[in-house]
Amino acid sequence: MTSHLQALVEAAKRVTTTPEHREQQRRSFAYGNTHFENAQITREMIDQQAEKLMRQKANERK
């Protein structure tokens, strides 16, 4: 591994993500995997389902 790459890896280890960023990454992952299998899947559909799941989870906590 080059020293430049090693420095990037070390920098990445110190990065902390916010819950919002993790949610964006989760949705992006879901979109990428589902759209690959079905081109009719849209980001909007992923967002709608994610919001629905979040509401369901919030209602379960009550």
PDB file of N, CA and C in Angstrom:
ATOM      1  N   MET A   1       0.858  -1.168   0.000  1.00  0.00           N
ATOM      2  CA  MET A   1       0.000   0.000   0.000  1.00  0.00           C
ATOM      3  C   MET A   1       0.904   1.231   0.000  1.00  0.00           C
ATOM      4  N   THR A   2       0.556   2.193  -0.842  1.00  0.00           N
ATOM      5  CA  THR A   2       1.359   3.412  -0.906  1.00  0.00           C
ATOM      6  C   THR A   2       1.136   4.246   0.346  1.00  0.00           C
ATOM      7  N   SER A   3       2.062   5.129   0.608  1.00  0.00           N
ATOM      8  CA  SER A   3       1.931   5.982   1.798  1.00  0.00           C
ATOM      9  C   SER A   3       0.716   6.898   1.682  1.00  0.00           C
ATOM     10  N   HIS A   4       0.415   7.329   0.457  1.00  0.00           N
ATOM     11  CA  HIS A   4      -0.761   8.185   0.248  1.00  0.00           C
ATOM     12  C   HIS A   4      -2.044   7.422   0.577  1.00  0.00           C
ATOM     13  N   LEU A   5      -2.135   6.193   0.095  1.00  0.00           N
ATOM     14  CA  LEU A   5      -3.309   5.370   0.376  1.00  0.00           C
ATOM     15  C   LEU A   5      -3.406   5.064   1.863  1.00  0.00           C
ATOM     16  N   GLN A   6      -2.289   4.773   2.500  1.00  0.00           N
ATOM     17  CA  GLN A   6      -2.279   4.503   3.932  1.00  0.00           C
ATOM     18  C   GLN A   6      -2.779   5.722   4.707  1.00  0.00           C
ATOM     19  N   ALA A   7      -2.369   6.913   4.293  1.00  0.00           N
ATOM     20  CA  ALA A   7      -2.819   8.137   4.957  1.00  0.00           C
ATOM     21  C   ALA A   7      -4.334   8.298   4.798  1.00  0.00           C
ATOM     22  N   LEU A   8      -4.860   7.977   3.622  1.00  0.00           N
ATOM     23  CA  LEU A   8      -6.310   8.068   3.410  1.00  0.00           C
ATOM     24  C   LEU A   8      -7.065   7.065   4.274  1.00  0.00           C
ATOM     25  N   VAL A   9      -6.539   5.856   4.382  1.00  0.00           N
ATOM     26  CA  VAL A   9      -7.170   4.836   5.223  1.00  0.00           C
ATOM     27  C   VAL A   9      -7.188   5.297   6.677  1.00  0.00           C
ATOM     28  N   GLU A  10      -6.087   5.822   7.157  1.00  0.00           N
ATOM     29  CA  GLU A  10      -6.021   6.304   8.535  1.00  0.00           C
ATOM     30  C   GLU A  10      -6.987   7.466   8.764  1.00  0.00           C
ATOM     31  N   ALA A  11      -7.100   8.351   7.795  1.00  0.00           N
ATOM     32  CA  ALA A  11      -8.038   9.474   7.910  1.00  0.00           C
ATOM     33  C   ALA A  11      -9.475   8.962   7.945  1.00  0.00           C
ATOM     34  N   ALA A  12      -9.768   7.972   7.145  1.00  0.00           N
ATOM     35  CA  ALA A  12     -11.124   7.411   7.114  1.00  0.00           C
ATOM     36  C   ALA A  12     -11.498   6.772   8.441  1.00  0.00           C
ATOM     37  N   LYS A  13     -10.534   6.220   9.145  1.00  0.00           N
ATOM     38  CA  LYS A  13     -10.804   5.594  10.450  1.00  0.00           C
ATOM     39  C   LYS A  13     -11.273   6.613  11.484  1.00  0.00           C
ATOM     40  N   ARG A  14     -10.892   7.869  11.304  1.00  0.00           N
ATOM     41  CA  ARG A  14     -11.239   8.911  12.274  1.00  0.00           C
ATOM     42  C   ARG A  14     -12.541   9.635  11.949  1.00  0.00           C
ATOM     43  N   VAL A  15     -13.165   9.312  10.833  1.00  0.00           N
ATOM     44  CA  VAL A  15     -14.397   9.979  10.420  1.00  0.00           C
ATOM     45  C   VAL A  15     -15.568   9.428  11.222  1.00  0.00           C
ATOM     46  N   THR A  16     -16.354  10.318  11.768  1.00  0.00           N
ATOM     47  CA  THR A  16     -17.584   9.893  12.437  1.00  0.00           C
ATOM     48  C   THR A  16     -18.757  10.370  11.589  1.00  0.00           C
ATOM     49  N   THR A  17     -19.743   9.515  11.463  1.00  0.00           N
ATOM     50  CA  THR A  17     -20.899   9.876  10.650  1.00  0.00           C
ATOM     51  C   THR A  17     -22.069  10.225  11.546  1.00  0.00           C
ATOM     52  N   THR A  18     -22.915  11.086  11.042  1.00  0.00           N
ATOM     53  CA  THR A  18     -24.120  11.466  11.760  1.00  0.00           C
ATOM     54  C   THR A  18     -25.212  10.443  11.452  1.00  0.00           C
ATOM     55  N   PRO A  19     -26.225  10.367  12.287  1.00  0.00           N
ATOM     56  CA  PRO A  19     -27.353   9.483  11.971  1.00  0.00           C
ATOM     57  C   PRO A  19     -27.977   9.815  10.615  1.00  0.00           C
ATOM     58  N   GLU A  20     -28.019  11.096  10.271  1.00  0.00           N
ATOM     59  CA  GLU A  20     -28.584  11.501   8.985  1.00  0.00           C
ATOM     60  C   GLU A  20     -27.750  10.966   7.824  1.00  0.00           C
ATOM     61  N   HIS A  21     -26.447  11.028   7.972  1.00  0.00           N
ATOM     62  CA  HIS A  21     -25.567  10.527   6.921  1.00  0.00           C
ATOM     63  C   HIS A  21     -25.698   9.012   6.781  1.00  0.00           C
ATOM     64  N   ARG A  22     -25.786   8.307   7.901  1.00  0.00           N
ATOM     65  CA  ARG A  22     -25.977   6.857   7.839  1.00  0.00           C
ATOM     66  C   ARG A  22     -27.290   6.511   7.151  1.00  0.00           C
ATOM     67  N   GLU A  23     -28.337   7.287   7.411  1.00  0.00           N
ATOM     68  CA  GLU A  23     -29.630   7.043   6.767  1.00  0.00           C
ATOM     69  C   GLU A  23     -29.524   7.285   5.261  1.00  0.00           C
ATOM     70  N   GLN A  24     -28.833   8.337   4.861  1.00  0.00           N
ATOM     71  CA  GLN A  24     -28.626   8.592   3.433  1.00  0.00           C
ATOM     72  C   GLN A  24     -27.872   7.437   2.784  1.00  0.00           C
ATOM     73  N   GLN A  25     -26.860   6.938   3.462  1.00  0.00           N
ATOM     74  CA  GLN A  25     -26.079   5.826   2.932  1.00  0.00           C
ATOM     75  C   GLN A  25     -26.930   4.556   2.835  1.00  0.00           C
ATOM     76  N   ARG A  26     -27.770   4.329   3.848  1.00  0.00           N
ATOM     77  CA  ARG A  26     -28.649   3.157   3.850  1.00  0.00           C
ATOM     78  C   ARG A  26     -29.607   3.197   2.666  1.00  0.00           C
ATOM     79  N   ARG A  27     -30.192   4.360   2.447  1.00  0.00           N
ATOM     80  CA  ARG A  27     -31.125   4.515   1.326  1.00  0.00           C
ATOM     81  C   ARG A  27     -30.412   4.376  -0.014  1.00  0.00           C
ATOM     82  N   SER A  28     -29.227   4.924  -0.109  1.00  0.00           N
ATOM     83  CA  SER A  28     -28.465   4.815  -1.339  1.00  0.00           C
ATOM     84  C   SER A  28     -28.130   3.352  -1.636  1.00  0.00           C
ATOM     85  N   PHE A  29     -27.755   2.621  -0.607  1.00  0.00           N
ATOM     86  CA  PHE A  29     -27.460   1.198  -0.757  1.00  0.00           C
ATOM     87  C   PHE A  29     -28.703   0.440  -1.212  1.00  0.00           C
ATOM     88  N   ALA A  30     -29.840   0.730  -0.572  1.00  0.00           N
ATOM     89  CA  ALA A  30     -31.091   0.056  -0.936  1.00  0.00           C
ATOM     90  C   ALA A  30     -31.461   0.366  -2.384  1.00  0.00           C
ATOM     91  N   TYR A  31     -31.323   1.616  -2.776  1.00  0.00           N
ATOM     92  CA  TYR A  31     -31.647   1.993  -4.151  1.00  0.00           C
ATOM     93  C   TYR A  31     -30.727   1.281  -5.135  1.00  0.00           C
ATOM     94  N   GLY A  32     -29.443   1.326  -4.877  1.00  0.00           N
ATOM     95  CA  GLY A  32     -28.486   0.718  -5.794  1.00  0.00           C
ATOM     96  C   GLY A  32     -28.739  -0.764  -6.001  1.00  0.00           C
ATOM     97  N   ASN A  33     -29.060  -1.459  -4.912  1.00  0.00           N
ATOM     98  CA  ASN A  33     -29.278  -2.897  -5.016  1.00  0.00           C
ATOM     99  C   ASN A  33     -30.615  -3.244  -5.647  1.00  0.00           C
ATOM    100  N   THR A  34     -31.640  -2.484  -5.359  1.00  0.00           N
ATOM    101  CA  THR A  34     -32.944  -2.806  -5.933  1.00  0.00           C
ATOM    102  C   THR A  34     -33.062  -2.333  -7.377  1.00  0.00           C
ATOM    103  N   HIS A  35     -32.515  -1.176  -7.671  1.00  0.00           N
ATOM    104  CA  HIS A  35     -32.580  -0.650  -9.034  1.00  0.00           C
ATOM    105  C   HIS A  35     -31.794  -1.540 -10.001  1.00  0.00           C
ATOM    106  N   PHE A  36     -30.746  -2.135  -9.505  1.00  0.00           N
ATOM    107  CA  PHE A  36     -29.939  -3.052 -10.313  1.00  0.00           C
ATOM    108  C   PHE A  36     -30.788  -4.236 -10.789  1.00  0.00           C
ATOM    109  N   GLU A  37     -31.664  -4.704  -9.920  1.00  0.00           N
ATOM    110  CA  GLU A  37     -32.529  -5.839 -10.254  1.00  0.00           C
ATOM    111  C   GLU A  37     -33.806  -5.417 -10.973  1.00  0.00           C
ATOM    112  N   ASN A  38     -34.272  -4.200 -10.705  1.00  0.00           N
ATOM    113  CA  ASN A  38     -35.533  -3.737 -11.278  1.00  0.00           C
ATOM    114  C   ASN A  38     -35.400  -2.249 -11.606  1.00  0.00           C
ATOM    115  N   ALA A  39     -35.236  -1.930 -12.868  1.00  0.00           N
ATOM    116  CA  ALA A  39     -34.997  -0.548 -13.299  1.00  0.00           C
ATOM    117  C   ALA A  39     -36.181   0.380 -13.032  1.00  0.00           C
ATOM    118  N   GLN A  40     -37.332  -0.171 -12.679  1.00  0.00           N
ATOM    119  CA  GLN A  40     -38.493   0.667 -12.383  1.00  0.00           C
ATOM    120  C   GLN A  40     -38.461   1.239 -10.967  1.00  0.00           C
ATOM    121  N   ILE A  41     -37.562   0.747 -10.129  1.00  0.00           N
ATOM    122  CA  ILE A  41     -37.410   1.276  -8.772  1.00  0.00           C
ATOM    123  C   ILE A  41     -36.780   2.662  -8.863  1.00  0.00           C
ATOM    124  N   THR A  42     -37.366   3.613  -8.137  1.00  0.00           N
ATOM    125  CA  THR A  42     -36.837   4.975  -8.131  1.00  0.00           C
ATOM    126  C   THR A  42     -36.362   5.343  -6.736  1.00  0.00           C
ATOM    127  N   ARG A  43     -35.571   6.395  -6.672  1.00  0.00           N
ATOM    128  CA  ARG A  43     -35.128   6.887  -5.357  1.00  0.00           C
ATOM    129  C   ARG A  43     -36.334   7.356  -4.541  1.00  0.00           C
ATOM    130  N   GLU A  44     -37.295   7.926  -5.210  1.00  0.00           N
ATOM    131  CA  GLU A  44     -38.510   8.374  -4.519  1.00  0.00           C
ATOM    132  C   GLU A  44     -39.212   7.188  -3.847  1.00  0.00           C
ATOM    133  N   MET A  45     -39.266   6.068  -4.532  1.00  0.00           N
ATOM    134  CA  MET A  45     -39.890   4.880  -3.948  1.00  0.00           C
ATOM    135  C   MET A  45     -39.125   4.422  -2.703  1.00  0.00           C
ATOM    136  N   ILE A  46     -37.821   4.452  -2.778  1.00  0.00           N
ATOM    137  CA  ILE A  46     -36.988   4.074  -1.630  1.00  0.00           C
ATOM    138  C   ILE A  46     -37.247   5.025  -0.470  1.00  0.00           C
ATOM    139  N   ASP A  47     -37.295   6.326  -0.750  1.00  0.00           N
ATOM    140  CA  ASP A  47     -37.552   7.316   0.293  1.00  0.00           C
ATOM    141  C   ASP A  47     -38.932   7.111   0.921  1.00  0.00           C
ATOM    142  N   GLN A  48     -39.933   6.837   0.104  1.00  0.00           N
ATOM    143  CA  GLN A  48     -41.280   6.616   0.629  1.00  0.00           C
ATOM    144  C   GLN A  48     -41.320   5.415   1.567  1.00  0.00           C
ATOM    145  N   GLN A  49     -40.688   4.332   1.175  1.00  0.00           N
ATOM    146  CA  GLN A  49     -40.686   3.135   2.006  1.00  0.00           C
ATOM    147  C   GLN A  49     -39.865   3.341   3.285  1.00  0.00           C
ATOM    148  N   ALA A  50     -38.770   4.063   3.175  1.00  0.00           N
ATOM    149  CA  ALA A  50     -37.945   4.345   4.349  1.00  0.00           C
ATOM    150  C   ALA A  50     -38.727   5.183   5.352  1.00  0.00           C
ATOM    151  N   GLU A  51     -39.447   6.189   4.865  1.00  0.00           N
ATOM    152  CA  GLU A  51     -40.259   7.025   5.754  1.00  0.00           C
ATOM    153  C   GLU A  51     -41.365   6.194   6.406  1.00  0.00           C
ATOM    154  N   LYS A  52     -41.981   5.325   5.638  1.00  0.00           N
ATOM    155  CA  LYS A  52     -43.029   4.453   6.156  1.00  0.00           C
ATOM    156  C   LYS A  52     -42.474   3.555   7.269  1.00  0.00           C
ATOM    157  N   LEU A  53     -41.302   2.978   7.051  1.00  0.00           N
ATOM    158  CA  LEU A  53     -40.681   2.130   8.067  1.00  0.00           C
ATOM    159  C   LEU A  53     -40.331   2.920   9.327  1.00  0.00           C
ATOM    160  N   MET A  54     -39.872   4.151   9.142  1.00  0.00           N
ATOM    161  CA  MET A  54     -39.536   4.988  10.294  1.00  0.00           C
ATOM    162  C   MET A  54     -40.787   5.307  11.116  1.00  0.00           C
ATOM    163  N   ARG A  55     -41.909   5.584  10.427  1.00  0.00           N
ATOM    164  CA  ARG A  55     -43.160   5.850  11.142  1.00  0.00           C
ATOM    165  C   ARG A  55     -43.627   4.613  11.896  1.00  0.00           C
ATOM    166  N   GLN A  56     -43.528   3.449  11.270  1.00  0.00           N
ATOM    167  CA  GLN A  56     -43.923   2.201  11.919  1.00  0.00           C
ATOM    168  C   GLN A  56     -43.081   1.934  13.150  1.00  0.00           C
ATOM    169  N   LYS A  57     -41.806   2.156  13.027  1.00  0.00           N
ATOM    170  CA  LYS A  57     -40.898   1.932  14.161  1.00  0.00           C
ATOM    171  C   LYS A  57     -41.227   2.891  15.304  1.00  0.00           C
ATOM    172  N   ALA A  58     -41.523   4.147  14.964  1.00  0.00           N
ATOM    173  CA  ALA A  58     -41.872   5.143  15.983  1.00  0.00           C
ATOM    174  C   ALA A  58     -43.165   4.754  16.688  1.00  0.00           C
ATOM    175  N   ASN A  59     -44.135   4.242  15.934  1.00  0.00           N
ATOM    176  CA  ASN A  59     -45.402   3.826  16.537  1.00  0.00           C
ATOM    177  C   ASN A  59     -45.226   2.612  17.437  1.00  0.00           C
ATOM    178  N   GLU A  60     -44.314   1.728  17.116  1.00  0.00           N
ATOM    179  CA  GLU A  60     -44.056   0.553  17.939  1.00  0.00           C
ATOM    180  C   GLU A  60     -43.453   0.921  19.270  1.00  0.00           C
ATOM    181  N   ARG A  61     -42.720   2.021  19.321  1.00  0.00           N
ATOM    182  CA  ARG A  61     -42.070   2.465  20.563  1.00  0.00           C
ATOM    183  C   ARG A  61     -43.063   3.080  21.536  1.00  0.00           C
ATOM    184  N   LYS A  62     -44.219   3.492  21.036  1.00  0.00           N
ATOM    185  CA  LYS A  62     -45.212   4.179  21.884  1.00  0.00           C
ATOM    186  C   LYS A  62     -45.927   3.197  22.769  1.00  0.00           C
TER     187      LYS A  62
END
